Each structure stands twice: as C-alpha cells, then as structure tokens.
Amino acid sequence: MHPSSSLENLVGLLRIHIRRGMNLAIRDLKSSDPYVIVRHGKQKLKTRVIKKNLNPEWNDYLTLTVSDPNLPVKISVFDKDTFSFDDKMGDAEFDIEPFTEALKMKLEDLPSGTIITRVKPTRDNCLSEESCIVWADGKVVQNMFLRLRNVECGEVELQLQWIDIPGSKGL
C-alpha cells in the first residue's frame, strides 16, 4: 500500500490516558494483577500490569489511529496469570463521536475548564457518571468513568485527547 493512501483515510490520533481502575474484581487469592487492553477496529494496545492491586494507577498513554470515528473503542481488563490464561475482569466500550463532534467546532481561546458538552450515562453506554468534554489548557479533552460489564464490580477512569495529523483528511 502506498504510504499516502493510508494517510488519506486517517482522521487523526486518539490519545487515551488510562488513569486508574477502581474496585476491580478479585481474580487471585486476595487480589489481582490487572492490565487493560484497548481495541479500536483492528488495533489492539495494552497497559502495563500492576501487581496485587484492585485500585491500580496505570497512568499509561495509548494512542490509536482513527479512520472511522463512528467505531466504538472497547476496553477489557484482565488479571495477569503466570501459569494459566489471564482471567477476564470485565469490559466496557465508549463512543468517540461526541468527542469528535466537539472537536469539529474548532473552538479557540476559551477559559480553561469550560465545559463544551456533557454525555449522560444511559443504558446504552458504559458511563458510570456524566462525562464532560472540556476545554483544558488550549485543547479539547474528555474525562470518563466507565463501569465494567460482565463482572461483579469495577470501574476504569480515562481521558481522551485528540492529535491532528498534517496531511490526513482530518475531522
């Protein structure tokens, strides 16, 4: 494939700051060794493992290339095991469409902390509380707390940022 043709399909980069997990499920004797896998389309990225912690602070930055902003981002939390398959500790997904719509407004020079839009938790999303898309330090960011599904407990906190790529089709 010609390098420029892949760039033409690219909308931009989504930088996800996986901040922390809260009240994650126990999968070992008394604790877990959690890590997060992020998927978008065919991409798959992973945080580091934090040993013996149900409230891990990953503070990892994962960057996805975005060609289709309508595709949801999926996250899965796993417990790292040495001698067996890693145990599932829940999953969640979120839409980046409200975030990309806020970016399309091409806002400038707002006071830091200005809320651009709010995404309410619904039955159809995994938000555990209202998620605000905010103008912070000259850029648009979205903070969210995701309630993990298919597990007895657990949430993950993350933040979205956008990186424009010169030469891409952009938003």
N, C-alpha and C. Protein backbone atom coordinates (compact mmCIF):
# COMPACT_ATOMS: atom_id res chain seq x y z
N MET A 1 0.84 -1.18 0.00
CA MET A 1 0.00 0.00 0.00
C MET A 1 0.89 1.25 0.00
N HIS A 2 0.49 2.21 -0.76
CA HIS A 2 1.24 3.47 -0.84
C HIS A 2 1.06 4.24 0.46
N PRO A 3 2.16 4.79 1.06
CA PRO A 3 2.04 5.44 2.38
C PRO A 3 1.02 6.57 2.42
N SER A 4 0.90 7.35 1.34
CA SER A 4 -0.02 8.48 1.40
C SER A 4 -1.47 8.02 1.35
N SER A 5 -1.76 6.87 0.73
CA SER A 5 -3.15 6.43 0.64
C SER A 5 -3.69 6.05 2.02
N SER A 6 -2.84 5.50 2.89
CA SER A 6 -3.31 5.18 4.24
C SER A 6 -3.52 6.47 5.05
N LEU A 7 -2.72 7.49 4.79
CA LEU A 7 -2.86 8.77 5.48
C LEU A 7 -4.14 9.48 5.09
N GLU A 8 -4.54 9.30 3.83
CA GLU A 8 -5.77 9.96 3.36
C GLU A 8 -7.00 9.42 4.07
N ASN A 9 -6.97 8.16 4.48
CA ASN A 9 -8.12 7.57 5.19
C ASN A 9 -8.10 7.91 6.67
N LEU A 10 -6.97 8.40 7.15
CA LEU A 10 -6.81 8.68 8.56
C LEU A 10 -7.48 9.99 8.94
N VAL A 11 -8.22 9.96 10.05
CA VAL A 11 -8.89 11.17 10.53
C VAL A 11 -7.98 11.89 11.54
N GLY A 12 -7.26 11.12 12.34
CA GLY A 12 -6.36 11.68 13.34
C GLY A 12 -5.98 10.62 14.35
N LEU A 13 -5.38 11.06 15.45
CA LEU A 13 -4.95 10.13 16.50
C LEU A 13 -5.75 10.41 17.77
N LEU A 14 -6.17 9.33 18.41
CA LEU A 14 -6.86 9.43 19.69
C LEU A 14 -5.90 8.98 20.77
N ARG A 15 -5.54 9.92 21.65
CA ARG A 15 -4.62 9.60 22.75
C ARG A 15 -5.46 9.33 23.99
N ILE A 16 -5.37 8.11 24.49
CA ILE A 16 -6.16 7.71 25.65
C ILE A 16 -5.25 7.59 26.86
N HIS A 17 -5.56 8.38 27.87
CA HIS A 17 -4.81 8.32 29.14
C HIS A 17 -5.60 7.38 30.05
N ILE A 18 -5.11 6.15 30.19
CA ILE A 18 -5.74 5.19 31.10
C ILE A 18 -5.23 5.54 32.49
N ARG A 19 -6.05 6.23 33.25
CA ARG A 19 -5.60 6.74 34.56
C ARG A 19 -5.54 5.65 35.61
N ARG A 20 -6.73 5.06 35.93
CA ARG A 20 -6.74 4.12 37.05
C ARG A 20 -7.96 3.22 36.99
N GLY A 21 -7.88 2.14 37.75
CA GLY A 21 -9.01 1.25 37.96
C GLY A 21 -9.48 1.41 39.39
N MET A 22 -10.77 1.19 39.62
CA MET A 22 -11.31 1.33 40.97
C MET A 22 -12.18 0.13 41.31
N ASN A 23 -11.96 -0.43 42.48
CA ASN A 23 -12.78 -1.52 43.00
C ASN A 23 -12.86 -2.68 42.00
N LEU A 24 -11.71 -3.07 41.45
CA LEU A 24 -11.68 -4.15 40.46
C LEU A 24 -11.93 -5.50 41.15
N ALA A 25 -12.33 -6.47 40.37
CA ALA A 25 -12.67 -7.79 40.90
C ALA A 25 -11.42 -8.56 41.32
N ILE A 26 -11.60 -9.38 42.36
CA ILE A 26 -10.50 -10.26 42.83
C ILE A 26 -10.48 -11.50 41.93
N ARG A 27 -9.32 -11.81 41.36
CA ARG A 27 -9.20 -12.98 40.49
C ARG A 27 -8.10 -13.94 40.95
N ASP A 28 -7.26 -13.49 41.90
CA ASP A 28 -6.28 -14.39 42.51
C ASP A 28 -6.77 -14.68 43.93
N LEU A 29 -5.90 -15.04 44.84
CA LEU A 29 -6.37 -15.38 46.19
C LEU A 29 -7.03 -14.20 46.89
N LYS A 30 -6.30 -13.07 46.98
CA LYS A 30 -6.85 -11.92 47.69
C LYS A 30 -6.87 -10.67 46.83
N SER A 31 -6.29 -10.74 45.63
CA SER A 31 -6.15 -9.54 44.83
C SER A 31 -6.15 -9.91 43.35
N SER A 32 -5.59 -9.04 42.52
CA SER A 32 -5.44 -9.29 41.09
C SER A 32 -4.22 -8.54 40.59
N ASP A 33 -3.76 -8.90 39.41
CA ASP A 33 -2.64 -8.22 38.76
C ASP A 33 -3.17 -7.63 37.44
N PRO A 34 -3.90 -6.50 37.53
CA PRO A 34 -4.67 -6.04 36.37
C PRO A 34 -3.86 -5.29 35.31
N TYR A 35 -4.35 -5.41 34.07
CA TYR A 35 -3.90 -4.58 32.95
C TYR A 35 -5.10 -4.37 32.03
N VAL A 36 -5.00 -3.38 31.15
CA VAL A 36 -6.11 -3.02 30.26
C VAL A 36 -5.68 -3.23 28.81
N ILE A 37 -6.58 -3.80 28.01
CA ILE A 37 -6.40 -3.87 26.56
C ILE A 37 -7.42 -2.94 25.93
N VAL A 38 -6.96 -2.09 25.01
CA VAL A 38 -7.83 -1.16 24.30
C VAL A 38 -7.88 -1.61 22.84
N ARG A 39 -9.10 -1.69 22.29
CA ARG A 39 -9.28 -2.09 20.89
C ARG A 39 -10.10 -1.05 20.15
N HIS A 40 -9.68 -0.78 18.91
CA HIS A 40 -10.45 0.11 18.03
C HIS A 40 -10.22 -0.40 16.62
N GLY A 41 -11.29 -0.88 15.97
CA GLY A 41 -11.10 -1.51 14.67
C GLY A 41 -10.17 -2.71 14.81
N LYS A 42 -9.08 -2.72 14.04
CA LYS A 42 -8.14 -3.85 14.10
C LYS A 42 -6.99 -3.60 15.05
N GLN A 43 -6.96 -2.41 15.69
CA GLN A 43 -5.84 -2.09 16.58
C GLN A 43 -6.07 -2.65 17.98
N LYS A 44 -4.97 -2.99 18.64
CA LYS A 44 -5.03 -3.53 19.99
C LYS A 44 -3.81 -3.02 20.75
N LEU A 45 -4.04 -2.30 21.83
CA LEU A 45 -2.95 -1.76 22.66
C LEU A 45 -3.15 -2.20 24.11
N LYS A 46 -2.06 -2.17 24.88
CA LYS A 46 -2.11 -2.74 26.23
C LYS A 46 -1.36 -1.85 27.21
N THR A 47 -1.91 -1.72 28.43
CA THR A 47 -1.20 -1.02 29.51
C THR A 47 -0.22 -1.99 30.17
N ARG A 48 0.56 -1.46 31.10
CA ARG A 48 1.44 -2.34 31.88
C ARG A 48 0.59 -3.05 32.95
N VAL A 49 1.14 -4.12 33.49
CA VAL A 49 0.49 -4.88 34.57
C VAL A 49 0.85 -4.23 35.90
N ILE A 50 -0.13 -4.08 36.77
CA ILE A 50 0.15 -3.60 38.13
C ILE A 50 -0.14 -4.75 39.09
N LYS A 51 0.89 -5.18 39.81
CA LYS A 51 0.80 -6.37 40.65
C LYS A 51 -0.05 -6.13 41.91
N LYS A 52 -0.84 -7.14 42.26
CA LYS A 52 -1.57 -7.20 43.51
C LYS A 52 -2.26 -5.87 43.87
N ASN A 53 -3.18 -5.43 43.00
CA ASN A 53 -3.82 -4.14 43.23
C ASN A 53 -5.22 -4.13 42.63
N LEU A 54 -6.23 -3.83 43.46
CA LEU A 54 -7.61 -3.74 42.97
C LEU A 54 -7.98 -2.29 42.62
N ASN A 55 -7.07 -1.35 42.95
CA ASN A 55 -7.26 0.07 42.62
C ASN A 55 -5.99 0.59 41.93
N PRO A 56 -5.62 -0.03 40.79
CA PRO A 56 -4.34 0.30 40.16
C PRO A 56 -4.32 1.70 39.55
N GLU A 57 -3.16 2.34 39.61
CA GLU A 57 -2.95 3.62 38.93
C GLU A 57 -1.99 3.36 37.78
N TRP A 58 -2.54 3.14 36.59
CA TRP A 58 -1.70 2.85 35.44
C TRP A 58 -1.02 4.11 34.92
N ASN A 59 -1.78 5.17 34.77
CA ASN A 59 -1.26 6.42 34.18
C ASN A 59 -0.51 6.16 32.88
N ASP A 60 -1.07 5.27 32.04
CA ASP A 60 -0.46 4.93 30.76
C ASP A 60 -1.17 5.70 29.64
N TYR A 61 -0.41 6.10 28.64
CA TYR A 61 -0.96 6.77 27.46
C TYR A 61 -0.90 5.81 26.28
N LEU A 62 -2.06 5.55 25.66
CA LEU A 62 -2.14 4.68 24.50
C LEU A 62 -2.69 5.50 23.34
N THR A 63 -2.09 5.41 22.17
CA THR A 63 -2.51 6.22 21.02
C THR A 63 -3.02 5.35 19.90
N LEU A 64 -4.27 5.58 19.51
CA LEU A 64 -4.92 4.85 18.43
C LEU A 64 -5.00 5.72 17.19
N THR A 65 -4.82 5.12 16.01
CA THR A 65 -5.11 5.85 14.77
C THR A 65 -6.59 5.69 14.50
N VAL A 66 -7.24 6.78 14.11
CA VAL A 66 -8.68 6.75 13.87
C VAL A 66 -8.96 6.99 12.39
N SER A 67 -9.59 6.01 11.75
CA SER A 67 -10.06 6.17 10.37
C SER A 67 -11.57 6.37 10.36
N ASP A 68 -12.25 5.71 11.30
CA ASP A 68 -13.71 5.79 11.38
C ASP A 68 -14.13 6.19 12.79
N PRO A 69 -14.48 7.49 12.99
CA PRO A 69 -14.87 7.95 14.33
C PRO A 69 -16.19 7.35 14.81
N ASN A 70 -16.92 6.64 13.94
CA ASN A 70 -18.17 6.02 14.37
C ASN A 70 -17.95 4.68 15.06
N LEU A 71 -16.75 4.12 14.92
CA LEU A 71 -16.45 2.84 15.59
C LEU A 71 -16.24 3.09 17.08
N PRO A 72 -16.84 2.25 17.94
CA PRO A 72 -16.59 2.43 19.37
C PRO A 72 -15.18 1.96 19.75
N VAL A 73 -14.70 2.46 20.88
CA VAL A 73 -13.44 1.98 21.47
C VAL A 73 -13.83 0.98 22.55
N LYS A 74 -13.20 -0.18 22.54
CA LYS A 74 -13.52 -1.22 23.51
C LYS A 74 -12.35 -1.40 24.46
N ILE A 75 -12.65 -1.51 25.74
CA ILE A 75 -11.59 -1.81 26.70
C ILE A 75 -11.94 -3.10 27.44
N SER A 76 -10.91 -3.87 27.75
CA SER A 76 -11.08 -5.09 28.55
C SER A 76 -10.01 -5.07 29.63
N VAL A 77 -10.41 -5.47 30.83
CA VAL A 77 -9.45 -5.56 31.93
C VAL A 77 -9.19 -7.04 32.20
N PHE A 78 -7.91 -7.38 32.37
CA PHE A 78 -7.52 -8.76 32.62
C PHE A 78 -6.62 -8.83 33.85
N ASP A 79 -6.62 -10.01 34.47
CA ASP A 79 -5.71 -10.32 35.56
C ASP A 79 -4.59 -11.18 34.97
N LYS A 80 -3.35 -10.70 35.09
CA LYS A 80 -2.18 -11.41 34.55
C LYS A 80 -1.90 -12.63 35.41
N ASP A 81 -1.85 -13.79 34.77
CA ASP A 81 -1.50 -15.02 35.47
C ASP A 81 -0.25 -15.61 34.83
N THR A 82 0.60 -16.18 35.65
CA THR A 82 1.86 -16.71 35.15
C THR A 82 1.69 -18.08 34.49
N PHE A 83 0.90 -18.96 35.13
CA PHE A 83 0.86 -20.35 34.67
C PHE A 83 -0.44 -20.74 33.99
N SER A 84 -1.36 -19.80 33.82
CA SER A 84 -2.62 -20.12 33.15
C SER A 84 -3.04 -18.92 32.31
N PHE A 85 -4.15 -19.08 31.59
CA PHE A 85 -4.66 -17.96 30.80
C PHE A 85 -5.02 -16.80 31.73
N ASP A 86 -4.83 -15.60 31.25
CA ASP A 86 -5.20 -14.42 32.04
C ASP A 86 -6.71 -14.40 32.23
N ASP A 87 -7.14 -14.03 33.45
CA ASP A 87 -8.56 -14.02 33.78
C ASP A 87 -9.20 -12.70 33.35
N LYS A 88 -10.43 -12.79 32.84
CA LYS A 88 -11.17 -11.58 32.49
C LYS A 88 -11.65 -10.88 33.76
N MET A 89 -11.56 -9.55 33.72
CA MET A 89 -12.03 -8.75 34.87
C MET A 89 -13.03 -7.69 34.41
N GLY A 90 -13.71 -7.97 33.30
CA GLY A 90 -14.73 -7.05 32.82
C GLY A 90 -14.32 -6.29 31.57
N ASP A 91 -15.32 -5.66 30.94
CA ASP A 91 -15.06 -4.91 29.72
C ASP A 91 -16.04 -3.74 29.65
N ALA A 92 -15.75 -2.82 28.75
CA ALA A 92 -16.61 -1.66 28.53
C ALA A 92 -16.33 -1.14 27.13
N GLU A 93 -17.21 -0.28 26.65
CA GLU A 93 -16.93 0.39 25.38
C GLU A 93 -17.48 1.80 25.45
N PHE A 94 -16.93 2.67 24.61
CA PHE A 94 -17.44 4.04 24.56
C PHE A 94 -17.35 4.57 23.14
N ASP A 95 -18.26 5.50 22.84
CA ASP A 95 -18.28 6.15 21.54
C ASP A 95 -17.39 7.38 21.59
N ILE A 96 -16.67 7.65 20.50
CA ILE A 96 -15.86 8.87 20.45
C ILE A 96 -16.57 9.95 19.65
N GLU A 97 -17.78 9.63 19.15
CA GLU A 97 -18.49 10.60 18.32
C GLU A 97 -18.78 11.92 19.04
N PRO A 98 -19.28 11.91 20.29
CA PRO A 98 -19.50 13.21 20.96
C PRO A 98 -18.20 14.02 21.07
N PHE A 99 -17.09 13.32 21.28
CA PHE A 99 -15.78 13.96 21.39
C PHE A 99 -15.36 14.56 20.05
N THR A 100 -15.50 13.79 18.96
CA THR A 100 -15.10 14.30 17.65
C THR A 100 -16.02 15.44 17.19
N GLU A 101 -17.31 15.37 17.59
CA GLU A 101 -18.23 16.47 17.25
C GLU A 101 -17.79 17.76 17.95
N ALA A 102 -17.34 17.66 19.20
CA ALA A 102 -16.84 18.84 19.93
C ALA A 102 -15.59 19.40 19.25
N LEU A 103 -14.73 18.50 18.75
CA LEU A 103 -13.52 18.94 18.06
C LEU A 103 -13.85 19.69 16.77
N LYS A 104 -14.90 19.25 16.09
CA LYS A 104 -15.29 19.87 14.82
C LYS A 104 -15.73 21.33 14.99
N MET A 105 -16.07 21.71 16.23
CA MET A 105 -16.49 23.10 16.48
C MET A 105 -15.34 24.08 16.31
N LYS A 106 -14.10 23.55 16.28
CA LYS A 106 -12.90 24.38 16.09
C LYS A 106 -12.86 25.56 17.07
N LEU A 107 -13.07 25.23 18.33
CA LEU A 107 -13.10 26.27 19.37
C LEU A 107 -11.69 26.79 19.64
N GLU A 108 -11.62 28.04 20.06
CA GLU A 108 -10.33 28.64 20.40
C GLU A 108 -10.49 29.62 21.55
N ASP A 109 -9.42 29.80 22.28
CA ASP A 109 -9.32 30.85 23.30
C ASP A 109 -10.45 30.83 24.34
N LEU A 110 -10.88 29.65 24.74
CA LEU A 110 -11.86 29.56 25.83
C LEU A 110 -11.11 29.53 27.15
N PRO A 111 -11.77 29.97 28.23
CA PRO A 111 -11.12 29.81 29.54
C PRO A 111 -10.94 28.32 29.84
N SER A 112 -9.78 27.96 30.38
CA SER A 112 -9.51 26.56 30.72
C SER A 112 -10.56 26.08 31.72
N GLY A 113 -11.11 24.89 31.46
CA GLY A 113 -12.14 24.35 32.34
C GLY A 113 -13.55 24.55 31.80
N THR A 114 -13.69 25.26 30.66
CA THR A 114 -15.02 25.46 30.07
C THR A 114 -15.57 24.12 29.58
N ILE A 115 -16.80 23.80 30.01
CA ILE A 115 -17.45 22.56 29.56
C ILE A 115 -18.10 22.81 28.21
N ILE A 116 -17.71 22.03 27.21
CA ILE A 116 -18.23 22.16 25.85
C ILE A 116 -19.53 21.39 25.73
N THR A 117 -19.52 20.16 26.21
CA THR A 117 -20.73 19.32 26.17
C THR A 117 -20.63 18.25 27.25
N ARG A 118 -21.77 17.68 27.57
CA ARG A 118 -21.84 16.63 28.59
C ARG A 118 -22.47 15.40 27.98
N VAL A 119 -21.93 14.23 28.33
CA VAL A 119 -22.51 12.96 27.88
C VAL A 119 -23.08 12.28 29.11
N LYS A 120 -24.38 12.04 29.09
CA LYS A 120 -25.06 11.43 30.25
C LYS A 120 -24.91 9.92 30.22
N PRO A 121 -24.83 9.30 31.40
CA PRO A 121 -24.85 7.84 31.44
C PRO A 121 -26.23 7.33 31.03
N THR A 122 -26.27 6.31 30.19
CA THR A 122 -27.55 5.71 29.76
C THR A 122 -27.41 4.20 29.79
N ARG A 123 -28.51 3.52 29.51
CA ARG A 123 -28.45 2.05 29.42
C ARG A 123 -27.57 1.59 28.27
N ASP A 124 -27.43 2.47 27.27
CA ASP A 124 -26.69 2.08 26.06
C ASP A 124 -25.19 2.36 26.14
N ASN A 125 -24.74 3.08 27.17
CA ASN A 125 -23.30 3.30 27.28
C ASN A 125 -22.79 2.76 28.61
N CYS A 126 -21.50 2.76 28.79
CA CYS A 126 -20.90 2.18 30.00
C CYS A 126 -20.49 3.26 31.00
N LEU A 127 -20.92 4.50 30.78
CA LEU A 127 -20.53 5.57 31.70
C LEU A 127 -21.15 5.34 33.08
N SER A 128 -20.35 5.49 34.13
CA SER A 128 -20.89 5.35 35.48
C SER A 128 -21.35 6.70 36.02
N GLU A 129 -20.91 7.78 35.38
CA GLU A 129 -21.37 9.12 35.74
C GLU A 129 -21.24 10.01 34.51
N GLU A 130 -21.81 11.21 34.61
CA GLU A 130 -21.76 12.14 33.49
C GLU A 130 -20.31 12.38 33.05
N SER A 131 -20.10 12.38 31.74
CA SER A 131 -18.76 12.59 31.19
C SER A 131 -18.73 13.97 30.52
N CYS A 132 -17.79 14.81 30.95
CA CYS A 132 -17.72 16.16 30.40
C CYS A 132 -16.61 16.26 29.35
N ILE A 133 -16.95 16.91 28.25
CA ILE A 133 -15.95 17.26 27.23
C ILE A 133 -15.60 18.71 27.51
N VAL A 134 -14.32 18.96 27.80
CA VAL A 134 -13.88 20.22 28.39
C VAL A 134 -12.76 20.84 27.57
N TRP A 135 -12.73 22.17 27.56
CA TRP A 135 -11.58 22.91 27.02
C TRP A 135 -10.58 23.02 28.16
N ALA A 136 -9.41 22.42 28.03
CA ALA A 136 -8.41 22.44 29.10
C ALA A 136 -7.04 22.77 28.51
N ASP A 137 -6.46 23.86 28.96
CA ASP A 137 -5.10 24.24 28.54
C ASP A 137 -4.94 24.25 27.02
N GLY A 138 -5.89 24.87 26.33
CA GLY A 138 -5.76 25.05 24.88
C GLY A 138 -6.17 23.86 24.03
N LYS A 139 -6.78 22.83 24.65
CA LYS A 139 -7.23 21.69 23.83
C LYS A 139 -8.52 21.10 24.40
N VAL A 140 -9.16 20.28 23.57
CA VAL A 140 -10.40 19.61 23.97
C VAL A 140 -10.04 18.26 24.57
N VAL A 141 -10.56 17.96 25.77
CA VAL A 141 -10.35 16.66 26.40
C VAL A 141 -11.70 16.12 26.90
N GLN A 142 -11.79 14.82 27.02
CA GLN A 142 -12.98 14.21 27.61
C GLN A 142 -12.54 13.27 28.71
N ASN A 143 -13.12 13.48 29.90
CA ASN A 143 -12.85 12.61 31.05
C ASN A 143 -14.02 11.66 31.20
N MET A 144 -13.73 10.39 31.48
CA MET A 144 -14.84 9.46 31.70
C MET A 144 -14.50 8.37 32.70
N PHE A 145 -15.55 7.96 33.40
CA PHE A 145 -15.50 6.81 34.29
C PHE A 145 -16.39 5.75 33.66
N LEU A 146 -15.81 4.58 33.36
CA LEU A 146 -16.55 3.50 32.71
C LEU A 146 -16.83 2.39 33.71
N ARG A 147 -18.08 1.97 33.78
CA ARG A 147 -18.46 0.82 34.61
C ARG A 147 -18.19 -0.43 33.79
N LEU A 148 -17.45 -1.35 34.36
CA LEU A 148 -17.12 -2.59 33.64
C LEU A 148 -18.32 -3.53 33.62
N ARG A 149 -18.53 -4.18 32.46
CA ARG A 149 -19.62 -5.14 32.30
C ARG A 149 -19.07 -6.55 32.44
N ASN A 150 -19.99 -7.51 32.57
CA ASN A 150 -19.63 -8.94 32.62
C ASN A 150 -18.67 -9.26 33.76
N VAL A 151 -18.89 -8.57 34.87
CA VAL A 151 -18.04 -8.75 36.07
C VAL A 151 -18.83 -8.23 37.26
N GLU A 152 -18.45 -8.67 38.47
CA GLU A 152 -19.22 -8.26 39.64
C GLU A 152 -18.98 -6.81 40.07
N CYS A 153 -17.83 -6.25 39.75
CA CYS A 153 -17.56 -4.87 40.16
C CYS A 153 -16.38 -4.31 39.37
N GLY A 154 -16.23 -2.99 39.45
CA GLY A 154 -15.05 -2.36 38.86
C GLY A 154 -15.38 -1.23 37.90
N GLU A 155 -14.52 -0.21 37.94
CA GLU A 155 -14.61 0.92 37.03
C GLU A 155 -13.21 1.28 36.55
N VAL A 156 -13.14 1.96 35.40
CA VAL A 156 -11.87 2.45 34.87
C VAL A 156 -12.05 3.93 34.55
N GLU A 157 -11.07 4.75 34.98
CA GLU A 157 -11.08 6.18 34.67
C GLU A 157 -10.09 6.44 33.54
N LEU A 158 -10.55 7.21 32.54
CA LEU A 158 -9.64 7.56 31.45
C LEU A 158 -9.95 8.95 30.92
N GLN A 159 -9.03 9.44 30.09
CA GLN A 159 -9.20 10.75 29.47
C GLN A 159 -8.83 10.65 27.99
N LEU A 160 -9.62 11.30 27.14
CA LEU A 160 -9.36 11.33 25.70
C LEU A 160 -8.75 12.66 25.31
N GLN A 161 -7.77 12.61 24.40
CA GLN A 161 -7.21 13.80 23.76
C GLN A 161 -7.10 13.50 22.28
N TRP A 162 -7.10 14.53 21.47
CA TRP A 162 -7.02 14.35 20.02
C TRP A 162 -5.70 14.91 19.51
N ILE A 163 -5.10 14.22 18.54
CA ILE A 163 -3.88 14.72 17.90
C ILE A 163 -4.17 14.80 16.41
N ASP A 164 -4.12 16.02 15.85
CA ASP A 164 -4.28 16.18 14.41
C ASP A 164 -3.02 15.74 13.71
N ILE A 165 -3.17 15.17 12.52
CA ILE A 165 -2.01 14.75 11.73
C ILE A 165 -1.99 15.57 10.45
N PRO A 166 -0.92 16.32 10.21
CA PRO A 166 -0.81 17.06 8.95
C PRO A 166 -0.85 16.08 7.78
N GLY A 167 -1.68 16.38 6.77
CA GLY A 167 -1.77 15.50 5.61
C GLY A 167 -2.88 14.49 5.69
N SER A 168 -3.50 14.34 6.87
CA SER A 168 -4.63 13.41 6.97
C SER A 168 -5.90 14.14 6.55
N LYS A 169 -6.98 13.36 6.35
CA LYS A 169 -8.22 14.03 5.91
C LYS A 169 -8.84 14.84 7.04
N GLY A 170 -8.48 14.53 8.28
CA GLY A 170 -8.96 15.30 9.43
C GLY A 170 -10.45 15.15 9.66
N LEU A 171 -10.92 15.81 10.70
CA LEU A 171 -12.34 15.75 11.02
C LEU A 171 -13.10 16.74 10.15
